[in-house]
Amino acid sequence: MCFRPAEISMKTCPACGKTNKPVATVCEACGSELDNSVKDFDADQAALDAAGTRVASKAPSVAPAAPGAPKPPEAPKPPTSLS
């Protein structure tokens, strides 16, 4: 079984643009306070999945034919009588 590591993103300082460690509370370069809100990645993913489901349900049920695809063969014609 394979597990993905937790999604961790670096924090960017809104004042100077310096990239800081995820656990930093203040910027290493300028000392400005960083955004310390907790992000719920599972809730974000659930919202994206739900949005994708709604879009998929509006899709046509039959896929369009590929351009240049051969046409299906016609049914054989019944034999004609020789009378």
N, C-alpha and C. Protein backbone atom coordinates (compact mmCIF):
# COMPACT_ATOMS: atom_id res chain seq x y z
N MET A 1 0.84 -1.17 0.00
CA MET A 1 0.00 0.00 0.00
C MET A 1 0.89 1.23 0.00
N CYS A 2 0.49 2.25 -0.72
CA CYS A 2 1.30 3.46 -0.85
C CYS A 2 0.54 4.65 -0.25
N PHE A 3 1.22 5.43 0.54
CA PHE A 3 0.61 6.61 1.13
C PHE A 3 1.32 7.85 0.62
N ARG A 4 0.54 8.87 0.30
CA ARG A 4 1.13 10.13 -0.10
C ARG A 4 1.49 10.93 1.13
N PRO A 5 2.61 11.64 1.10
CA PRO A 5 2.95 12.49 2.24
C PRO A 5 1.97 13.65 2.35
N ALA A 6 1.88 14.22 3.52
CA ALA A 6 1.00 15.37 3.72
C ALA A 6 1.42 16.50 2.80
N GLU A 7 0.43 17.24 2.33
CA GLU A 7 0.73 18.36 1.45
C GLU A 7 1.22 19.53 2.30
N ILE A 8 2.45 19.91 2.07
CA ILE A 8 3.05 21.01 2.82
C ILE A 8 3.53 22.05 1.82
N SER A 9 3.12 23.27 2.02
CA SER A 9 3.58 24.32 1.12
C SER A 9 4.36 25.36 1.90
N MET A 10 5.35 25.92 1.27
CA MET A 10 6.16 26.95 1.88
C MET A 10 5.30 28.22 2.01
N LYS A 11 5.61 29.02 3.01
CA LYS A 11 4.89 30.27 3.23
C LYS A 11 5.65 31.41 2.55
N THR A 12 4.94 32.22 1.79
CA THR A 12 5.54 33.37 1.14
C THR A 12 5.15 34.62 1.91
N CYS A 13 6.11 35.45 2.20
CA CYS A 13 5.87 36.68 2.96
C CYS A 13 5.09 37.67 2.09
N PRO A 14 3.97 38.20 2.60
CA PRO A 14 3.20 39.17 1.82
C PRO A 14 3.92 40.51 1.68
N ALA A 15 4.89 40.80 2.57
CA ALA A 15 5.58 42.09 2.53
C ALA A 15 6.77 42.08 1.57
N CYS A 16 7.63 41.05 1.68
CA CYS A 16 8.86 41.07 0.87
C CYS A 16 8.94 39.96 -0.17
N GLY A 17 8.06 38.95 -0.08
CA GLY A 17 8.06 37.88 -1.07
C GLY A 17 9.02 36.73 -0.77
N LYS A 18 9.72 36.78 0.35
CA LYS A 18 10.66 35.72 0.73
C LYS A 18 9.89 34.44 1.05
N THR A 19 10.43 33.30 0.63
CA THR A 19 9.83 32.01 0.94
C THR A 19 10.35 31.54 2.30
N ASN A 20 9.43 31.18 3.17
CA ASN A 20 9.77 30.75 4.53
C ASN A 20 9.33 29.32 4.77
N LYS A 21 9.84 28.70 5.82
CA LYS A 21 9.46 27.34 6.19
C LYS A 21 7.97 27.30 6.57
N PRO A 22 7.32 26.15 6.38
CA PRO A 22 5.89 26.05 6.70
C PRO A 22 5.57 26.33 8.17
N VAL A 23 6.51 26.10 9.08
CA VAL A 23 6.24 26.30 10.51
C VAL A 23 6.56 27.72 10.97
N ALA A 24 7.10 28.56 10.09
CA ALA A 24 7.47 29.93 10.46
C ALA A 24 6.23 30.76 10.77
N THR A 25 6.35 31.62 11.78
CA THR A 25 5.25 32.53 12.12
C THR A 25 5.57 33.95 11.71
N VAL A 26 6.87 34.25 11.57
CA VAL A 26 7.30 35.57 11.07
C VAL A 26 8.33 35.35 9.96
N CYS A 27 8.43 36.30 9.06
CA CYS A 27 9.35 36.21 7.93
C CYS A 27 10.80 36.27 8.42
N GLU A 28 11.63 35.38 7.88
CA GLU A 28 13.05 35.35 8.24
C GLU A 28 13.78 36.60 7.76
N ALA A 29 13.31 37.18 6.64
CA ALA A 29 14.01 38.32 6.05
C ALA A 29 13.60 39.65 6.66
N CYS A 30 12.28 39.90 6.76
CA CYS A 30 11.84 41.24 7.19
C CYS A 30 11.11 41.26 8.53
N GLY A 31 10.75 40.10 9.07
CA GLY A 31 10.08 40.05 10.37
C GLY A 31 8.58 40.26 10.32
N SER A 32 8.01 40.38 9.12
CA SER A 32 6.55 40.54 9.01
C SER A 32 5.84 39.27 9.44
N GLU A 33 4.63 39.43 9.98
CA GLU A 33 3.85 38.28 10.41
C GLU A 33 3.33 37.53 9.18
N LEU A 34 3.40 36.19 9.23
CA LEU A 34 2.96 35.35 8.12
C LEU A 34 1.56 34.81 8.39
N ASP A 35 0.90 34.40 7.32
CA ASP A 35 -0.44 33.81 7.43
C ASP A 35 -0.30 32.46 8.13
N ASN A 36 -0.92 32.32 9.29
CA ASN A 36 -0.81 31.08 10.07
C ASN A 36 -2.12 30.31 10.12
N SER A 37 -3.00 30.56 9.15
CA SER A 37 -4.26 29.84 9.13
C SER A 37 -4.02 28.39 8.71
N VAL A 38 -4.84 27.50 9.22
CA VAL A 38 -4.72 26.08 8.90
C VAL A 38 -5.57 25.80 7.67
N LYS A 39 -4.98 25.14 6.70
CA LYS A 39 -5.70 24.82 5.47
C LYS A 39 -6.18 23.38 5.54
N ASP A 40 -7.44 23.16 5.20
CA ASP A 40 -8.02 21.82 5.20
C ASP A 40 -8.01 21.31 3.76
N PHE A 41 -6.95 20.58 3.39
CA PHE A 41 -6.81 20.10 2.03
C PHE A 41 -7.88 19.08 1.67
N ASP A 42 -8.34 18.28 2.64
CA ASP A 42 -9.38 17.30 2.37
C ASP A 42 -10.68 17.98 1.98
N ALA A 43 -11.03 19.07 2.66
CA ALA A 43 -12.26 19.80 2.33
C ALA A 43 -12.14 20.44 0.96
N ASP A 44 -10.96 20.97 0.63
CA ASP A 44 -10.75 21.56 -0.70
C ASP A 44 -10.91 20.49 -1.78
N GLN A 45 -10.33 19.32 -1.55
CA GLN A 45 -10.42 18.24 -2.53
C GLN A 45 -11.86 17.76 -2.68
N ALA A 46 -12.60 17.66 -1.58
CA ALA A 46 -14.00 17.24 -1.64
C ALA A 46 -14.82 18.24 -2.45
N ALA A 47 -14.55 19.54 -2.28
CA ALA A 47 -15.27 20.55 -3.05
C ALA A 47 -14.95 20.44 -4.53
N LEU A 48 -13.68 20.17 -4.86
CA LEU A 48 -13.31 20.00 -6.27
C LEU A 48 -13.95 18.75 -6.86
N ASP A 49 -13.98 17.67 -6.09
CA ASP A 49 -14.61 16.43 -6.57
C ASP A 49 -16.10 16.64 -6.81
N ALA A 50 -16.76 17.35 -5.90
CA ALA A 50 -18.20 17.61 -6.06
C ALA A 50 -18.46 18.48 -7.29
N ALA A 51 -17.61 19.46 -7.52
CA ALA A 51 -17.77 20.32 -8.70
C ALA A 51 -17.56 19.52 -9.97
N GLY A 52 -16.60 18.60 -9.96
CA GLY A 52 -16.33 17.75 -11.12
C GLY A 52 -17.48 16.81 -11.41
N THR A 53 -18.16 16.33 -10.37
CA THR A 53 -19.30 15.43 -10.54
C THR A 53 -20.46 16.17 -11.20
N ARG A 54 -20.68 17.41 -10.79
CA ARG A 54 -21.78 18.18 -11.40
C ARG A 54 -21.51 18.45 -12.86
N VAL A 55 -20.28 18.74 -13.22
CA VAL A 55 -19.94 19.01 -14.61
C VAL A 55 -20.08 17.74 -15.43
N ALA A 56 -19.62 16.62 -14.89
CA ALA A 56 -19.67 15.35 -15.62
C ALA A 56 -21.10 14.91 -15.87
N SER A 57 -22.03 15.23 -14.95
CA SER A 57 -23.41 14.78 -15.14
C SER A 57 -24.10 15.53 -16.27
N LYS A 58 -23.58 16.69 -16.67
CA LYS A 58 -24.17 17.45 -17.77
C LYS A 58 -23.58 17.05 -19.12
N ALA A 59 -22.59 16.20 -19.11
CA ALA A 59 -21.94 15.78 -20.34
C ALA A 59 -22.88 14.86 -21.14
N PRO A 60 -22.76 14.88 -22.47
CA PRO A 60 -23.61 13.99 -23.27
C PRO A 60 -23.29 12.53 -22.98
N SER A 61 -24.30 11.67 -23.11
CA SER A 61 -24.11 10.27 -22.78
C SER A 61 -23.42 9.50 -23.90
N VAL A 62 -23.41 10.04 -25.12
CA VAL A 62 -22.77 9.37 -26.25
C VAL A 62 -21.59 10.22 -26.70
N ALA A 63 -20.45 9.58 -26.82
CA ALA A 63 -19.25 10.31 -27.25
C ALA A 63 -19.35 10.61 -28.74
N PRO A 64 -18.88 11.76 -29.18
CA PRO A 64 -18.90 12.07 -30.61
C PRO A 64 -17.93 11.18 -31.35
N ALA A 65 -18.21 10.94 -32.63
CA ALA A 65 -17.35 10.10 -33.45
C ALA A 65 -16.04 10.83 -33.73
N ALA A 66 -15.00 10.07 -33.85
CA ALA A 66 -13.70 10.65 -34.16
C ALA A 66 -13.70 11.14 -35.60
N PRO A 67 -13.06 12.27 -35.87
CA PRO A 67 -13.02 12.75 -37.26
C PRO A 67 -12.26 11.77 -38.14
N GLY A 68 -12.81 11.50 -39.29
CA GLY A 68 -12.17 10.59 -40.23
C GLY A 68 -12.34 9.13 -39.88
N ALA A 69 -13.15 8.82 -38.90
CA ALA A 69 -13.36 7.43 -38.53
C ALA A 69 -14.22 6.74 -39.59
N PRO A 70 -13.95 5.46 -39.86
CA PRO A 70 -14.77 4.75 -40.86
C PRO A 70 -16.20 4.58 -40.35
N LYS A 71 -17.13 4.56 -41.29
CA LYS A 71 -18.53 4.37 -40.94
C LYS A 71 -18.78 2.89 -40.67
N PRO A 72 -19.75 2.59 -39.80
CA PRO A 72 -20.03 1.18 -39.53
C PRO A 72 -20.59 0.51 -40.79
N PRO A 73 -20.36 -0.80 -40.94
CA PRO A 73 -20.84 -1.50 -42.14
C PRO A 73 -22.37 -1.52 -42.19
N GLU A 74 -22.89 -1.46 -43.42
CA GLU A 74 -24.34 -1.51 -43.60
C GLU A 74 -24.81 -2.96 -43.49
N ALA A 75 -26.07 -3.14 -43.13
CA ALA A 75 -26.65 -4.48 -43.03
C ALA A 75 -26.78 -5.05 -44.45
N PRO A 76 -26.57 -6.36 -44.60
CA PRO A 76 -26.69 -6.95 -45.94
C PRO A 76 -28.13 -6.83 -46.46
N LYS A 77 -28.25 -6.62 -47.76
CA LYS A 77 -29.58 -6.51 -48.40
C LYS A 77 -30.11 -7.91 -48.67
N PRO A 78 -31.44 -8.08 -48.54
CA PRO A 78 -32.01 -9.41 -48.82
C PRO A 78 -31.87 -9.75 -50.30
N PRO A 79 -31.75 -11.04 -50.62
CA PRO A 79 -31.61 -11.43 -52.03
C PRO A 79 -32.89 -11.12 -52.81
N THR A 80 -32.70 -10.76 -54.06
CA THR A 80 -33.86 -10.47 -54.93
C THR A 80 -34.30 -11.76 -55.61
N SER A 81 -35.61 -11.86 -55.89
CA SER A 81 -36.13 -13.07 -56.55
C SER A 81 -35.86 -13.00 -58.05
N LEU A 82 -35.70 -14.16 -58.72
CA LEU A 82 -35.37 -14.22 -60.14
C LEU A 82 -36.61 -14.48 -61.00
N SER A 83 -37.79 -14.25 -60.55
CA SER A 83 -38.97 -14.56 -61.35
C SER A 83 -39.29 -13.55 -62.38
